[in-house]
Amino acid sequence: MENIMKLLKVLFVSLAFISASVSANPGHWMPTAKKISSIVVEGDENGRALIIIEGGVPSEYIPQECRSGANGAYNTVFLNTHKGRGIYSLALTAYSSGKSVKLALSCTGNRPLITHIWLM
């Protein structure tokens, strides 16, 4: 029960941070909300999640340095940070409930990195 309370606390703090980020510096949001088609968890013990959007994120909303090749479809979230786990939790909620999301992205290597997520 204590672990669940800690997880809920982290989730609520992360969501509050994400909400504050939305109003403070939203970046470039996708023009329309889309559903998440799949989620992949990969990597070592630090891990990352790949959030794949139905129909993909429009290319003009993906930074130029990570548009090339098939990696543009894999919107990355690092699971070793509170913010990353908050984004991942919101993505799981959206996927499970069939709700749409908007994303704002930067890059990590040659893949898009989710900096903001907005559950619609």
PDB file of N, CA and C in Angstrom:
ATOM      1  N   MET A   1       0.822  -1.188   0.000  1.00  0.00           N
ATOM      2  CA  MET A   1       0.000   0.000   0.000  1.00  0.00           C
ATOM      3  C   MET A   1       0.869   1.256   0.000  1.00  0.00           C
ATOM      4  N   GLU A   2       1.981   1.194   0.746  1.00  0.00           N
ATOM      5  CA  GLU A   2       2.883   2.346   0.808  1.00  0.00           C
ATOM      6  C   GLU A   2       3.484   2.632  -0.569  1.00  0.00           C
ATOM      7  N   ASN A   3       3.828   1.562  -1.317  1.00  0.00           N
ATOM      8  CA  ASN A   3       4.380   1.747  -2.662  1.00  0.00           C
ATOM      9  C   ASN A   3       3.360   2.369  -3.597  1.00  0.00           C
ATOM     10  N   ILE A   4       2.113   1.982  -3.457  1.00  0.00           N
ATOM     11  CA  ILE A   4       1.054   2.561  -4.285  1.00  0.00           C
ATOM     12  C   ILE A   4       0.911   4.042  -3.985  1.00  0.00           C
ATOM     13  N   MET A   5       0.967   4.411  -2.727  1.00  0.00           N
ATOM     14  CA  MET A   5       0.856   5.824  -2.349  1.00  0.00           C
ATOM     15  C   MET A   5       2.035   6.623  -2.905  1.00  0.00           C
ATOM     16  N   LYS A   6       3.235   6.043  -2.855  1.00  0.00           N
ATOM     17  CA  LYS A   6       4.403   6.721  -3.421  1.00  0.00           C
ATOM     18  C   LYS A   6       4.236   6.906  -4.927  1.00  0.00           C
ATOM     19  N   LEU A   7       3.751   5.861  -5.610  1.00  0.00           N
ATOM     20  CA  LEU A   7       3.540   5.937  -7.050  1.00  0.00           C
ATOM     21  C   LEU A   7       2.504   6.999  -7.392  1.00  0.00           C
ATOM     22  N   LEU A   8       1.414   7.039  -6.637  1.00  0.00           N
ATOM     23  CA  LEU A   8       0.387   8.056  -6.877  1.00  0.00           C
ATOM     24  C   LEU A   8       0.931   9.459  -6.640  1.00  0.00           C
ATOM     25  N   LYS A   9       1.748   9.612  -5.607  1.00  0.00           N
ATOM     26  CA  LYS A   9       2.344  10.918  -5.322  1.00  0.00           C
ATOM     27  C   LYS A   9       3.237  11.357  -6.476  1.00  0.00           C
ATOM     28  N   VAL A  10       4.078  10.447  -6.973  1.00  0.00           N
ATOM     29  CA  VAL A  10       4.952  10.758  -8.105  1.00  0.00           C
ATOM     30  C   VAL A  10       4.114  11.107  -9.334  1.00  0.00           C
ATOM     31  N   LEU A  11       3.057  10.338  -9.571  1.00  0.00           N
ATOM     32  CA  LEU A  11       2.190  10.592 -10.723  1.00  0.00           C
ATOM     33  C   LEU A  11       1.551  11.972 -10.641  1.00  0.00           C
ATOM     34  N   PHE A  12       0.987  12.320  -9.491  1.00  0.00           N
ATOM     35  CA  PHE A  12       0.326  13.615  -9.349  1.00  0.00           C
ATOM     36  C   PHE A  12       1.317  14.772  -9.437  1.00  0.00           C
ATOM     37  N   VAL A  13       2.485  14.627  -8.850  1.00  0.00           N
ATOM     38  CA  VAL A  13       3.502  15.680  -8.950  1.00  0.00           C
ATOM     39  C   VAL A  13       3.941  15.827 -10.407  1.00  0.00           C
ATOM     40  N   SER A  14       4.140  14.705 -11.090  1.00  0.00           N
ATOM     41  CA  SER A  14       4.547  14.752 -12.496  1.00  0.00           C
ATOM     42  C   SER A  14       3.485  15.409 -13.358  1.00  0.00           C
ATOM     43  N   LEU A  15       2.230  15.040 -13.134  1.00  0.00           N
ATOM     44  CA  LEU A  15       1.149  15.639 -13.916  1.00  0.00           C
ATOM     45  C   LEU A  15       1.023  17.126 -13.635  1.00  0.00           C
ATOM     46  N   ALA A  16       1.233  17.529 -12.391  1.00  0.00           N
ATOM     47  CA  ALA A  16       1.199  18.957 -12.064  1.00  0.00           C
ATOM     48  C   ALA A  16       2.329  19.683 -12.784  1.00  0.00           C
ATOM     49  N   PHE A  17       3.510  19.071 -12.828  1.00  0.00           N
ATOM     50  CA  PHE A  17       4.643  19.671 -13.535  1.00  0.00           C
ATOM     51  C   PHE A  17       4.347  19.780 -15.022  1.00  0.00           C
ATOM     52  N   ILE A  18       3.779  18.728 -15.597  1.00  0.00           N
ATOM     53  CA  ILE A  18       3.449  18.751 -17.018  1.00  0.00           C
ATOM     54  C   ILE A  18       2.408  19.821 -17.300  1.00  0.00           C
ATOM     55  N   SER A  19       1.404  19.944 -16.448  1.00  0.00           N
ATOM     56  CA  SER A  19       0.375  20.967 -16.631  1.00  0.00           C
ATOM     57  C   SER A  19       0.979  22.358 -16.564  1.00  0.00           C
ATOM     58  N   ALA A  20       1.891  22.573 -15.630  1.00  0.00           N
ATOM     59  CA  ALA A  20       2.548  23.875 -15.527  1.00  0.00           C
ATOM     60  C   ALA A  20       3.393  24.136 -16.762  1.00  0.00           C
ATOM     61  N   SER A  21       4.037  23.095 -17.283  1.00  0.00           N
ATOM     62  CA  SER A  21       4.852  23.255 -18.483  1.00  0.00           C
ATOM     63  C   SER A  21       4.003  23.623 -19.687  1.00  0.00           C
ATOM     64  N   VAL A  22       2.790  23.079 -19.750  1.00  0.00           N
ATOM     65  CA  VAL A  22       1.905  23.369 -20.870  1.00  0.00           C
ATOM     66  C   VAL A  22       1.615  24.853 -20.945  1.00  0.00           C
ATOM     67  N   SER A  23       1.321  25.476 -19.820  1.00  0.00           N
ATOM     68  CA  SER A  23       0.988  26.891 -19.846  1.00  0.00           C
ATOM     69  C   SER A  23       2.236  27.764 -19.917  1.00  0.00           C
ATOM     70  N   ALA A  24       3.376  27.268 -19.445  1.00  0.00           N
ATOM     71  CA  ALA A  24       4.579  28.084 -19.389  1.00  0.00           C
ATOM     72  C   ALA A  24       5.351  28.086 -20.710  1.00  0.00           C
ATOM     73  N   ASN A  25       5.507  26.936 -21.321  1.00  0.00           N
ATOM     74  CA  ASN A  25       6.308  26.843 -22.532  1.00  0.00           C
ATOM     75  C   ASN A  25       5.859  25.632 -23.333  1.00  0.00           C
ATOM     76  N   PRO A  26       4.760  25.748 -24.068  1.00  0.00           N
ATOM     77  CA  PRO A  26       4.202  24.570 -24.720  1.00  0.00           C
ATOM     78  C   PRO A  26       4.986  24.044 -25.915  1.00  0.00           C
ATOM     79  N   GLY A  27       5.900  24.817 -26.495  1.00  0.00           N
ATOM     80  CA  GLY A  27       6.596  24.346 -27.690  1.00  0.00           C
ATOM     81  C   GLY A  27       5.636  24.290 -28.861  1.00  0.00           C
ATOM     82  N   HIS A  28       5.864  23.368 -29.753  1.00  0.00           N
ATOM     83  CA  HIS A  28       5.024  23.241 -30.941  1.00  0.00           C
ATOM     84  C   HIS A  28       4.133  22.015 -30.793  1.00  0.00           C
ATOM     85  N   TRP A  29       2.879  22.235 -30.494  1.00  0.00           N
ATOM     86  CA  TRP A  29       1.922  21.140 -30.336  1.00  0.00           C
ATOM     87  C   TRP A  29       1.487  20.620 -31.696  1.00  0.00           C
ATOM     88  N   MET A  30       1.195  19.333 -31.777  1.00  0.00           N
ATOM     89  CA  MET A  30       0.561  18.776 -32.968  1.00  0.00           C
ATOM     90  C   MET A  30      -0.734  19.559 -33.202  1.00  0.00           C
ATOM     91  N   PRO A  31      -1.140  19.751 -34.459  1.00  0.00           N
ATOM     92  CA  PRO A  31      -2.334  20.555 -34.725  1.00  0.00           C
ATOM     93  C   PRO A  31      -3.629  19.891 -34.273  1.00  0.00           C
ATOM     94  N   THR A  32      -3.691  18.571 -34.331  1.00  0.00           N
ATOM     95  CA  THR A  32      -4.887  17.854 -33.900  1.00  0.00           C
ATOM     96  C   THR A  32      -4.479  16.697 -32.995  1.00  0.00           C
ATOM     97  N   ALA A  33      -5.356  16.372 -32.084  1.00  0.00           N
ATOM     98  CA  ALA A  33      -5.099  15.243 -31.184  1.00  0.00           C
ATOM     99  C   ALA A  33      -5.302  13.932 -31.943  1.00  0.00           C
ATOM    100  N   LYS A  34      -4.471  12.946 -31.624  1.00  0.00           N
ATOM    101  CA  LYS A  34      -4.570  11.623 -32.242  1.00  0.00           C
ATOM    102  C   LYS A  34      -4.469  10.556 -31.164  1.00  0.00           C
ATOM    103  N   LYS A  35      -4.992   9.374 -31.488  1.00  0.00           N
ATOM    104  CA  LYS A  35      -4.914   8.253 -30.550  1.00  0.00           C
ATOM    105  C   LYS A  35      -3.544   7.588 -30.628  1.00  0.00           C
ATOM    106  N   ILE A  36      -3.178   6.947 -29.542  1.00  0.00           N
ATOM    107  CA  ILE A  36      -1.937   6.176 -29.478  1.00  0.00           C
ATOM    108  C   ILE A  36      -2.231   4.785 -30.018  1.00  0.00           C
ATOM    109  N   SER A  37      -1.455   4.343 -31.014  1.00  0.00           N
ATOM    110  CA  SER A  37      -1.702   3.026 -31.604  1.00  0.00           C
ATOM    111  C   SER A  37      -0.952   1.916 -30.877  1.00  0.00           C
ATOM    112  N   SER A  38       0.217   2.231 -30.322  1.00  0.00           N
ATOM    113  CA  SER A  38       0.942   1.213 -29.560  1.00  0.00           C
ATOM    114  C   SER A  38       2.010   1.858 -28.687  1.00  0.00           C
ATOM    115  N   ILE A  39       2.434   1.089 -27.693  1.00  0.00           N
ATOM    116  CA  ILE A  39       3.471   1.522 -26.758  1.00  0.00           C
ATOM    117  C   ILE A  39       4.467   0.376 -26.623  1.00  0.00           C
ATOM    118  N   VAL A  40       5.744   0.691 -26.771  1.00  0.00           N
ATOM    119  CA  VAL A  40       6.812  -0.303 -26.648  1.00  0.00           C
ATOM    120  C   VAL A  40       7.748   0.153 -25.538  1.00  0.00           C
ATOM    121  N   VAL A  41       8.116  -0.754 -24.635  1.00  0.00           N
ATOM    122  CA  VAL A  41       9.129  -0.450 -23.619  1.00  0.00           C
ATOM    123  C   VAL A  41      10.389  -1.198 -24.022  1.00  0.00           C
ATOM    124  N   GLU A  42      11.532  -0.474 -24.060  1.00  0.00           N
ATOM    125  CA  GLU A  42      12.791  -1.083 -24.489  1.00  0.00           C
ATOM    126  C   GLU A  42      13.946  -0.526 -23.677  1.00  0.00           C
ATOM    127  N   GLY A  43      15.118  -1.068 -23.918  1.00  0.00           N
ATOM    128  CA  GLY A  43      16.326  -0.547 -23.285  1.00  0.00           C
ATOM    129  C   GLY A  43      16.747  -1.339 -22.067  1.00  0.00           C
ATOM    130  N   ASP A  44      17.753  -0.787 -21.375  1.00  0.00           N
ATOM    131  CA  ASP A  44      18.297  -1.423 -20.180  1.00  0.00           C
ATOM    132  C   ASP A  44      17.430  -1.099 -18.966  1.00  0.00           C
ATOM    133  N   GLU A  45      17.997  -1.212 -17.763  1.00  0.00           N
ATOM    134  CA  GLU A  45      17.204  -0.982 -16.550  1.00  0.00           C
ATOM    135  C   GLU A  45      16.693   0.451 -16.444  1.00  0.00           C
ATOM    136  N   ASN A  46      17.331   1.410 -17.122  1.00  0.00           N
ATOM    137  CA  ASN A  46      16.816   2.781 -17.141  1.00  0.00           C
ATOM    138  C   ASN A  46      15.586   2.873 -18.028  1.00  0.00           C
ATOM    139  N   GLY A  47      15.604   2.167 -19.120  1.00  0.00           N
ATOM    140  CA  GLY A  47      14.465   2.005 -19.991  1.00  0.00           C
ATOM    141  C   GLY A  47      13.966   3.263 -20.672  1.00  0.00           C
ATOM    142  N   ARG A  48      13.208   3.015 -21.709  1.00  0.00           N
ATOM    143  CA  ARG A  48      12.494   4.077 -22.399  1.00  0.00           C
ATOM    144  C   ARG A  48      11.257   3.462 -23.021  1.00  0.00           C
ATOM    145  N   ALA A  49      10.281   4.299 -23.245  1.00  0.00           N
ATOM    146  CA  ALA A  49       9.054   3.867 -23.897  1.00  0.00           C
ATOM    147  C   ALA A  49       8.968   4.565 -25.239  1.00  0.00           C
ATOM    148  N   LEU A  50       8.443   3.860 -26.209  1.00  0.00           N
ATOM    149  CA  LEU A  50       8.200   4.420 -27.529  1.00  0.00           C
ATOM    150  C   LEU A  50       6.692   4.528 -27.702  1.00  0.00           C
ATOM    151  N   ILE A  51       6.212   5.728 -27.913  1.00  0.00           N
ATOM    152  CA  ILE A  51       4.784   5.998 -28.043  1.00  0.00           C
ATOM    153  C   ILE A  51       4.508   6.223 -29.526  1.00  0.00           C
ATOM    154  N   ILE A  52       3.726   5.337 -30.128  1.00  0.00           N
ATOM    155  CA  ILE A  52       3.447   5.414 -31.559  1.00  0.00           C
ATOM    156  C   ILE A  52       2.023   5.937 -31.746  1.00  0.00           C
ATOM    157  N   ILE A  53       1.905   7.007 -32.529  1.00  0.00           N
ATOM    158  CA  ILE A  53       0.645   7.711 -32.742  1.00  0.00           C
ATOM    159  C   ILE A  53      -0.008   7.208 -34.031  1.00  0.00           C
ATOM    160  N   GLU A  54      -1.346   7.001 -34.003  1.00  0.00           N
ATOM    161  CA  GLU A  54      -2.076   6.589 -35.206  1.00  0.00           C
ATOM    162  C   GLU A  54      -1.863   7.614 -36.315  1.00  0.00           C
ATOM    163  N   GLY A  55      -1.383   7.158 -37.450  1.00  0.00           N
ATOM    164  CA  GLY A  55      -1.139   8.058 -38.567  1.00  0.00           C
ATOM    165  C   GLY A  55       0.133   8.872 -38.431  1.00  0.00           C
ATOM    166  N   GLY A  56       0.816   8.757 -37.301  1.00  0.00           N
ATOM    167  CA  GLY A  56       2.068   9.466 -37.067  1.00  0.00           C
ATOM    168  C   GLY A  56       1.885  10.932 -36.731  1.00  0.00           C
ATOM    169  N   VAL A  57       2.920  11.507 -36.181  1.00  0.00           N
ATOM    170  CA  VAL A  57       2.963  12.942 -35.907  1.00  0.00           C
ATOM    171  C   VAL A  57       3.272  13.622 -37.242  1.00  0.00           C
ATOM    172  N   PRO A  58       2.542  14.685 -37.610  1.00  0.00           N
ATOM    173  CA  PRO A  58       2.863  15.379 -38.861  1.00  0.00           C
ATOM    174  C   PRO A  58       4.340  15.788 -38.888  1.00  0.00           C
ATOM    175  N   SER A  59       4.997  15.558 -40.014  1.00  0.00           N
ATOM    176  CA  SER A  59       6.451  15.752 -40.086  1.00  0.00           C
ATOM    177  C   SER A  59       6.890  17.169 -39.739  1.00  0.00           C
ATOM    178  N   GLU A  60       6.053  18.166 -40.010  1.00  0.00           N
ATOM    179  CA  GLU A  60       6.457  19.539 -39.684  1.00  0.00           C
ATOM    180  C   GLU A  60       6.488  19.801 -38.179  1.00  0.00           C
ATOM    181  N   TYR A  61       5.973  18.867 -37.383  1.00  0.00           N
ATOM    182  CA  TYR A  61       6.013  18.995 -35.926  1.00  0.00           C
ATOM    183  C   TYR A  61       7.106  18.131 -35.302  1.00  0.00           C
ATOM    184  N   ILE A  62       7.871  17.440 -36.145  1.00  0.00           N
ATOM    185  CA  ILE A  62       9.027  16.667 -35.687  1.00  0.00           C
ATOM    186  C   ILE A  62      10.267  17.491 -36.018  1.00  0.00           C
ATOM    187  N   PRO A  63      11.144  17.749 -35.061  1.00  0.00           N
ATOM    188  CA  PRO A  63      12.359  18.526 -35.356  1.00  0.00           C
ATOM    189  C   PRO A  63      13.154  17.911 -36.513  1.00  0.00           C
ATOM    190  N   GLN A  64      13.716  18.760 -37.331  1.00  0.00           N
ATOM    191  CA  GLN A  64      14.433  18.352 -38.550  1.00  0.00           C
ATOM    192  C   GLN A  64      15.487  17.274 -38.281  1.00  0.00           C
ATOM    193  N   GLU A  65      16.248  17.415 -37.196  1.00  0.00           N
ATOM    194  CA  GLU A  65      17.361  16.488 -36.937  1.00  0.00           C
ATOM    195  C   GLU A  65      16.923  15.066 -36.602  1.00  0.00           C
ATOM    196  N   CYS A  66      15.639  14.837 -36.364  1.00  0.00           N
ATOM    197  CA  CYS A  66      15.196  13.462 -36.080  1.00  0.00           C
ATOM    198  C   CYS A  66      14.037  13.037 -36.980  1.00  0.00           C
ATOM    199  N   ARG A  67      13.921  13.626 -38.159  1.00  0.00           N
ATOM    200  CA  ARG A  67      12.868  13.264 -39.114  1.00  0.00           C
ATOM    201  C   ARG A  67      13.245  12.106 -40.017  1.00  0.00           C
ATOM    202  N   SER A  68      14.513  11.870 -40.221  1.00  0.00           N
ATOM    203  CA  SER A  68      14.936  10.918 -41.247  1.00  0.00           C
ATOM    204  C   SER A  68      14.658   9.477 -40.853  1.00  0.00           C
ATOM    205  N   GLY A  69      14.321   8.684 -41.848  1.00  0.00           N
ATOM    206  CA  GLY A  69      14.150   7.252 -41.654  1.00  0.00           C
ATOM    207  C   GLY A  69      12.918   6.866 -40.858  1.00  0.00           C
ATOM    208  N   ALA A  70      12.886   5.600 -40.498  1.00  0.00           N
ATOM    209  CA  ALA A  70      11.735   5.037 -39.794  1.00  0.00           C
ATOM    210  C   ALA A  70      11.658   5.475 -38.339  1.00  0.00           C
ATOM    211  N   ASN A  71      12.743   6.022 -37.787  1.00  0.00           N
ATOM    212  CA  ASN A  71      12.752   6.392 -36.374  1.00  0.00           C
ATOM    213  C   ASN A  71      11.802   7.526 -36.039  1.00  0.00           C
ATOM    214  N   GLY A  72      11.347   8.295 -37.029  1.00  0.00           N
ATOM    215  CA  GLY A  72      10.426   9.399 -36.790  1.00  0.00           C
ATOM    216  C   GLY A  72       9.105   8.965 -36.187  1.00  0.00           C
ATOM    217  N   ALA A  73       8.748   7.700 -36.343  1.00  0.00           N
ATOM    218  CA  ALA A  73       7.484   7.198 -35.787  1.00  0.00           C
ATOM    219  C   ALA A  73       7.594   6.865 -34.304  1.00  0.00           C
ATOM    220  N   TYR A  74       8.813   6.698 -33.807  1.00  0.00           N
ATOM    221  CA  TYR A  74       9.025   6.255 -32.434  1.00  0.00           C
ATOM    222  C   TYR A  74       9.265   7.448 -31.512  1.00  0.00           C
ATOM    223  N   ASN A  75       8.190   7.955 -30.942  1.00  0.00           N
ATOM    224  CA  ASN A  75       8.261   9.094 -30.031  1.00  0.00           C
ATOM    225  C   ASN A  75       8.706   8.578 -28.667  1.00  0.00           C
ATOM    226  N   THR A  76       9.883   9.002 -28.244  1.00  0.00           N
ATOM    227  CA  THR A  76      10.568   8.422 -27.095  1.00  0.00           C
ATOM    228  C   THR A  76      10.246   9.136 -25.790  1.00  0.00           C
ATOM    229  N   VAL A  77      10.169   8.354 -24.717  1.00  0.00           N
ATOM    230  CA  VAL A  77      10.031   8.864 -23.351  1.00  0.00           C
ATOM    231  C   VAL A  77      11.043   8.102 -22.501  1.00  0.00           C
ATOM    232  N   PHE A  78      11.887   8.819 -21.768  1.00  0.00           N
ATOM    233  CA  PHE A  78      12.835   8.168 -20.865  1.00  0.00           C
ATOM    234  C   PHE A  78      12.130   7.845 -19.554  1.00  0.00           C
ATOM    235  N   LEU A  79      12.241   6.592 -19.127  1.00  0.00           N
ATOM    236  CA  LEU A  79      11.534   6.132 -17.933  1.00  0.00           C
ATOM    237  C   LEU A  79      12.344   6.302 -16.653  1.00  0.00           C
ATOM    238  N   ASN A  80      13.542   6.858 -16.739  1.00  0.00           N
ATOM    239  CA  ASN A  80      14.374   7.035 -15.546  1.00  0.00           C
ATOM    240  C   ASN A  80      14.246   8.438 -14.949  1.00  0.00           C
ATOM    241  N   THR A  81      13.257   9.217 -15.414  1.00  0.00           N
ATOM    242  CA  THR A  81      13.003  10.540 -14.834  1.00  0.00           C
ATOM    243  C   THR A  81      11.554  10.623 -14.373  1.00  0.00           C
ATOM    244  N   HIS A  82      11.293  11.503 -13.414  1.00  0.00           N
ATOM    245  CA  HIS A  82       9.914  11.691 -12.950  1.00  0.00           C
ATOM    246  C   HIS A  82       9.031  12.200 -14.082  1.00  0.00           C
ATOM    247  N   LYS A  83       9.534  13.152 -14.855  1.00  0.00           N
ATOM    248  CA  LYS A  83       8.752  13.694 -15.965  1.00  0.00           C
ATOM    249  C   LYS A  83       8.454  12.599 -16.987  1.00  0.00           C
ATOM    250  N   GLY A  84       9.455  11.798 -17.325  1.00  0.00           N
ATOM    251  CA  GLY A  84       9.257  10.714 -18.283  1.00  0.00           C
ATOM    252  C   GLY A  84       8.218   9.715 -17.815  1.00  0.00           C
ATOM    253  N   ARG A  85       8.272   9.361 -16.533  1.00  0.00           N
ATOM    254  CA  ARG A  85       7.277   8.425 -15.991  1.00  0.00           C
ATOM    255  C   ARG A  85       5.886   9.060 -15.969  1.00  0.00           C
ATOM    256  N   GLY A  86       5.805  10.371 -15.740  1.00  0.00           N
ATOM    257  CA  GLY A  86       4.518  11.064 -15.787  1.00  0.00           C
ATOM    258  C   GLY A  86       3.939  11.056 -17.194  1.00  0.00           C
ATOM    259  N   ILE A  87       4.788  11.329 -18.190  1.00  0.00           N
ATOM    260  CA  ILE A  87       4.347  11.290 -19.589  1.00  0.00           C
ATOM    261  C   ILE A  87       3.907   9.876 -19.956  1.00  0.00           C
ATOM    262  N   TYR A  88       4.690   8.880 -19.544  1.00  0.00           N
ATOM    263  CA  TYR A  88       4.355   7.479 -19.817  1.00  0.00           C
ATOM    264  C   TYR A  88       3.024   7.101 -19.170  1.00  0.00           C
ATOM    265  N   SER A  89       2.800   7.527 -17.934  1.00  0.00           N
ATOM    266  CA  SER A  89       1.538   7.237 -17.243  1.00  0.00           C
ATOM    267  C   SER A  89       0.358   7.848 -17.980  1.00  0.00           C
ATOM    268  N   LEU A  90       0.522   9.080 -18.429  1.00  0.00           N
ATOM    269  CA  LEU A  90      -0.552   9.740 -19.166  1.00  0.00           C
ATOM    270  C   LEU A  90      -0.787   9.047 -20.508  1.00  0.00           C
ATOM    271  N   ALA A  91       0.287   8.598 -21.165  1.00  0.00           N
ATOM    272  CA  ALA A  91       0.153   7.865 -22.428  1.00  0.00           C
ATOM    273  C   ALA A  91      -0.583   6.544 -22.213  1.00  0.00           C
ATOM    274  N   LEU A  92      -0.256   5.826 -21.139  1.00  0.00           N
ATOM    275  CA  LEU A  92      -0.964   4.578 -20.828  1.00  0.00           C
ATOM    276  C   LEU A  92      -2.440   4.831 -20.559  1.00  0.00           C
ATOM    277  N   THR A  93      -2.728   5.907 -19.842  1.00  0.00           N
ATOM    278  CA  THR A  93      -4.120   6.270 -19.565  1.00  0.00           C
ATOM    279  C   THR A  93      -4.859   6.548 -20.868  1.00  0.00           C
ATOM    280  N   ALA A  94      -4.243   7.323 -21.750  1.00  0.00           N
ATOM    281  CA  ALA A  94      -4.867   7.650 -23.036  1.00  0.00           C
ATOM    282  C   ALA A  94      -5.090   6.386 -23.866  1.00  0.00           C
ATOM    283  N   TYR A  95      -4.089   5.526 -23.924  1.00  0.00           N
ATOM    284  CA  TYR A  95      -4.191   4.294 -24.701  1.00  0.00           C
ATOM    285  C   TYR A  95      -5.295   3.391 -24.147  1.00  0.00           C
ATOM    286  N   SER A  96      -5.319   3.220 -22.827  1.00  0.00           N
ATOM    287  CA  SER A  96      -6.296   2.335 -22.187  1.00  0.00           C
ATOM    288  C   SER A  96      -7.725   2.837 -22.329  1.00  0.00           C
ATOM    289  N   SER A  97      -7.895   4.157 -22.325  1.00  0.00           N
ATOM    290  CA  SER A  97      -9.243   4.726 -22.381  1.00  0.00           C
ATOM    291  C   SER A  97      -9.670   5.107 -23.794  1.00  0.00           C
ATOM    292  N   GLY A  98      -8.773   4.950 -24.763  1.00  0.00           N
ATOM    293  CA  GLY A  98      -9.110   5.295 -26.140  1.00  0.00           C
ATOM    294  C   GLY A  98      -9.176   6.795 -26.397  1.00  0.00           C
ATOM    295  N   LYS A  99      -8.569   7.586 -25.515  1.00  0.00           N
ATOM    296  CA  LYS A  99      -8.562   9.049 -25.665  1.00  0.00           C
ATOM    297  C   LYS A  99      -7.407   9.481 -26.571  1.00  0.00           C
ATOM    298  N   SER A 100      -7.550  10.665 -27.137  1.00  0.00           N
ATOM    299  CA  SER A 100      -6.523  11.229 -28.007  1.00  0.00           C
ATOM    300  C   SER A 100      -5.566  12.111 -27.219  1.00  0.00           C
ATOM    301  N   VAL A 101      -4.377  12.303 -27.784  1.00  0.00           N
ATOM    302  CA  VAL A 101      -3.366  13.171 -27.174  1.00  0.00           C
ATOM    303  C   VAL A 101      -2.771  14.091 -28.232  1.00  0.00           C
ATOM    304  N   LYS A 102      -2.214  15.184 -27.758  1.00  0.00           N
ATOM    305  CA  LYS A 102      -1.347  16.034 -28.565  1.00  0.00           C
ATOM    306  C   LYS A 102       0.040  15.929 -27.952  1.00  0.00           C
ATOM    307  N   LEU A 103       1.058  15.973 -28.798  1.00  0.00           N
ATOM    308  CA  LEU A 103       2.440  15.907 -28.333  1.00  0.00           C
ATOM    309  C   LEU A 103       3.206  17.139 -28.784  1.00  0.00           C
ATOM    310  N   ALA A 104       4.216  17.499 -28.011  1.00  0.00           N
ATOM    311  CA  ALA A 104       5.240  18.451 -28.430  1.00  0.00           C
ATOM    312  C   ALA A 104       6.564  17.703 -28.308  1.00  0.00           C
ATOM    313  N   LEU A 105       7.439  17.888 -29.281  1.00  0.00           N
ATOM    314  CA  LEU A 105       8.630  17.053 -29.390  1.00  0.00           C
ATOM    315  C   LEU A 105       9.922  17.853 -29.499  1.00  0.00           C
ATOM    316  N   SER A 106      10.997  17.240 -29.022  1.00  0.00           N
ATOM    317  CA  SER A 106      12.358  17.661 -29.343  1.00  0.00           C
ATOM    318  C   SER A 106      13.030  16.394 -29.876  1.00  0.00           C
ATOM    319  N   CYS A 107      14.346  16.280 -29.813  1.00  0.00           N
ATOM    320  CA  CYS A 107      15.033  15.084 -30.318  1.00  0.00           C
ATOM    321  C   CYS A 107      15.941  14.472 -29.267  1.00  0.00           C
ATOM    322  N   THR A 108      16.100  13.167 -29.367  1.00  0.00           N
ATOM    323  CA  THR A 108      17.141  12.451 -28.658  1.00  0.00           C
ATOM    324  C   THR A 108      17.807  11.562 -29.701  1.00  0.00           C
ATOM    325  N   GLY A 109      19.006  11.922 -30.096  1.00  0.00           N
ATOM    326  CA  GLY A 109      19.650  11.207 -31.198  1.00  0.00           C
ATOM    327  C   GLY A 109      18.839  11.392 -32.463  1.00  0.00           C
ATOM    328  N   ASN A 110      18.458  10.274 -33.099  1.00  0.00           N
ATOM    329  CA  ASN A 110      17.672  10.363 -34.325  1.00  0.00           C
ATOM    330  C   ASN A 110      16.196  10.031 -34.109  1.00  0.00           C
ATOM    331  N   ARG A 111      15.738  10.127 -32.864  1.00  0.00           N
ATOM    332  CA  ARG A 111      14.329   9.868 -32.559  1.00  0.00           C
ATOM    333  C   ARG A 111      13.683  11.090 -31.920  1.00  0.00           C
ATOM    334  N   PRO A 112      12.377  11.292 -32.180  1.00  0.00           N
ATOM    335  CA  PRO A 112      11.656  12.356 -31.477  1.00  0.00           C
ATOM    336  C   PRO A 112      11.562  12.035 -29.985  1.00  0.00           C
ATOM    337  N   LEU A 113      11.704  13.061 -29.157  1.00  0.00           N
ATOM    338  CA  LEU A 113      11.586  12.941 -27.706  1.00  0.00           C
ATOM    339  C   LEU A 113      10.359  13.730 -27.268  1.00  0.00           C
ATOM    340  N   ILE A 114       9.444  13.089 -26.562  1.00  0.00           N
ATOM    341  CA  ILE A 114       8.236  13.775 -26.097  1.00  0.00           C
ATOM    342  C   ILE A 114       8.612  14.691 -24.937  1.00  0.00           C
ATOM    343  N   THR A 115       8.377  15.988 -25.122  1.00  0.00           N
ATOM    344  CA  THR A 115       8.636  16.957 -24.060  1.00  0.00           C
ATOM    345  C   THR A 115       7.354  17.340 -23.340  1.00  0.00           C
ATOM    346  N   HIS A 116       6.215  17.222 -24.032  1.00  0.00           N
ATOM    347  CA  HIS A 116       4.917  17.568 -23.457  1.00  0.00           C
ATOM    348  C   HIS A 116       3.860  16.626 -24.031  1.00  0.00           C
ATOM    349  N   ILE A 117       2.879  16.279 -23.217  1.00  0.00           N
ATOM    350  CA  ILE A 117       1.748  15.473 -23.670  1.00  0.00           C
ATOM    351  C   ILE A 117       0.481  16.099 -23.105  1.00  0.00           C
ATOM    352  N   TRP A 118      -0.560  16.124 -23.931  1.00  0.00           N
ATOM    353  CA  TRP A 118      -1.825  16.755 -23.552  1.00  0.00           C
ATOM    354  C   TRP A 118      -2.936  15.754 -23.820  1.00  0.00           C
ATOM    355  N   LEU A 119      -3.565  15.268 -22.774  1.00  0.00           N
ATOM    356  CA  LEU A 119      -4.676  14.328 -22.893  1.00  0.00           C
ATOM    357  C   LEU A 119      -5.933  15.107 -23.234  1.00  0.00           C
ATOM    358  N   MET A 120      -6.576  14.733 -24.314  1.00  0.00           N
ATOM    359  CA  MET A 120      -7.761  15.470 -24.782  1.00  0.00           C
ATOM    360  C   MET A 120      -9.044  14.775 -24.352  1.00  0.00           C
TER     361      MET A 120
END
